[in-house]
Amino acid sequence: MSEAATETAKADYDFSKDPGHHRYVVHYDGDIVGFTTYRELGDGVHFDHTVVDSAHQGGGVASRLVRFALDDFAQWSRMPMIPDCSYVAKWVENHPDYAHLLSARG
């Protein structure tokens, strides 16, 4: 894929928070094509499931979704983020600059 095509593909995705359903979603052409869910419990905020439609896998969409979610999470919660979802856990492992989210912040 050319650099211009890659930039166009990136621009077609829209990321947002859906607090009513405790999730972050990614839209493509107005349709939800992926999400990551979270639950606020006493010990922290558990990110427990991440899904991206198969037609949108392999292009970094899930990674961008998790980055969006964790950037937002860092703004609204002081509780630790608990990565119950294996994708989120691996993502944080591969992005150590997000490891501080794993502990409570004051």
Protein backbone atom coordinates (compact mmCIF):
# COMPACT_ATOMS: atom_id res chain seq x y z
CA MET A 1 0.00 0.00 0.00
CA SER A 2 1.40 3.41 -0.92
CA GLU A 3 1.98 6.07 1.74
CA ALA A 4 -0.91 8.15 0.33
CA ALA A 5 -3.25 5.14 0.44
CA THR A 6 -2.15 4.40 4.01
CA GLU A 7 -2.89 7.96 5.07
CA THR A 8 -6.29 7.81 3.35
CA ALA A 9 -7.10 4.53 5.12
CA LYS A 10 -6.14 6.03 8.48
CA ALA A 11 -8.39 9.02 7.87
CA ASP A 12 -11.43 6.80 7.22
CA TYR A 13 -11.55 5.51 10.81
CA ASP A 14 -13.24 7.43 13.60
CA PHE A 15 -12.66 6.60 17.26
CA SER A 16 -15.01 7.52 20.09
CA LYS A 17 -16.00 6.69 23.64
CA ASP A 18 -19.38 5.07 24.25
CA PRO A 19 -19.76 5.37 28.04
CA GLY A 20 -23.36 4.10 27.99
CA HIS A 21 -22.04 0.72 26.83
CA HIS A 22 -18.70 0.93 28.70
CA ARG A 23 -16.65 0.73 25.54
CA TYR A 24 -14.57 2.58 23.00
CA VAL A 25 -15.56 2.09 19.39
CA VAL A 26 -14.04 2.50 15.96
CA HIS A 27 -16.27 3.43 13.04
CA TYR A 28 -15.57 3.05 9.34
CA ASP A 29 -17.91 4.78 6.90
CA GLY A 30 -20.42 5.21 9.72
CA ASP A 31 -20.45 1.54 10.81
CA ILE A 32 -18.96 0.17 14.02
CA VAL A 33 -16.12 -2.13 12.98
CA GLY A 34 -14.49 -2.65 16.35
CA PHE A 35 -14.61 -1.98 20.07
CA THR A 36 -12.84 -2.49 23.35
CA THR A 37 -14.89 -2.84 26.51
CA TYR A 38 -14.14 -1.91 30.11
CA ARG A 39 -15.69 -2.39 33.55
CA GLU A 40 -15.15 -0.15 36.56
CA LEU A 41 -14.73 -2.37 39.62
CA GLY A 42 -13.39 -1.75 43.11
CA ASP A 43 -9.81 -2.69 42.28
CA GLY A 44 -9.55 -0.74 39.02
CA VAL A 45 -10.87 -0.38 35.51
CA HIS A 46 -10.78 -3.71 33.71
CA PHE A 47 -10.30 -3.66 29.94
CA ASP A 48 -11.76 -7.04 29.18
CA HIS A 49 -12.46 -7.50 25.47
CA THR A 50 -11.25 -6.10 22.14
CA VAL A 51 -12.79 -6.98 18.78
CA VAL A 52 -12.17 -5.72 15.25
CA ASP A 53 -14.14 -7.05 12.28
CA SER A 54 -12.05 -9.40 10.17
CA ALA A 55 -12.26 -7.09 7.14
CA HIS A 56 -10.42 -4.42 9.16
CA GLN A 57 -7.79 -6.57 10.85
CA GLY A 58 -4.10 -6.44 10.09
CA GLY A 59 -3.84 -2.72 9.44
CA GLY A 60 -3.25 -1.47 12.96
CA VAL A 61 -6.87 -0.57 13.69
CA ALA A 62 -6.96 -2.48 17.00
CA SER A 63 -3.71 -0.86 18.07
CA ARG A 64 -5.02 2.61 17.28
CA LEU A 65 -8.26 1.80 19.12
CA VAL A 66 -6.42 0.69 22.26
CA ARG A 67 -4.15 3.75 22.14
CA PHE A 68 -7.22 6.00 21.82
CA ALA A 69 -8.94 4.21 24.72
CA LEU A 70 -5.94 4.34 27.04
CA ASP A 71 -5.20 7.97 26.23
CA ASP A 72 -8.78 8.81 27.16
CA PHE A 73 -8.75 6.53 30.22
CA ALA A 74 -5.67 8.37 31.51
CA GLN A 75 -7.69 11.61 31.50
CA TRP A 76 -10.73 10.43 33.48
CA SER A 77 -9.55 7.74 35.88
CA ARG A 78 -7.01 7.65 38.68
CA MET A 79 -7.69 3.95 39.27
CA PRO A 80 -5.31 1.33 37.86
CA MET A 81 -6.06 -0.09 34.43
CA ILE A 82 -6.30 -3.88 34.56
CA PRO A 83 -5.74 -5.51 31.16
CA ASP A 84 -7.89 -8.65 31.33
CA CYS A 85 -8.01 -8.66 27.53
CA SER A 86 -4.93 -10.44 26.16
CA TYR A 87 -4.66 -7.95 23.28
CA VAL A 88 -4.62 -4.96 25.65
CA ALA A 89 -2.12 -6.70 27.95
CA LYS A 90 0.23 -7.41 25.04
CA TRP A 91 -0.25 -3.88 23.68
CA VAL A 92 0.79 -2.33 27.01
CA GLU A 93 3.75 -4.72 27.17
CA ASN A 94 4.82 -3.50 23.71
CA HIS A 95 4.24 0.17 24.64
CA PRO A 96 5.99 0.57 28.02
CA ASP A 97 5.23 4.30 28.06
CA TYR A 98 1.67 3.23 29.03
CA ALA A 99 2.78 0.97 31.90
CA HIS A 100 2.11 3.74 34.44
CA LEU A 101 -1.62 3.18 33.84
CA LEU A 102 -1.32 -0.20 35.55
CA SER A 103 -1.04 1.47 38.96
CA ALA A 104 -3.20 4.02 40.76
CA ARG A 105 -2.32 7.63 40.06
CA GLY A 106 -2.85 10.50 42.46
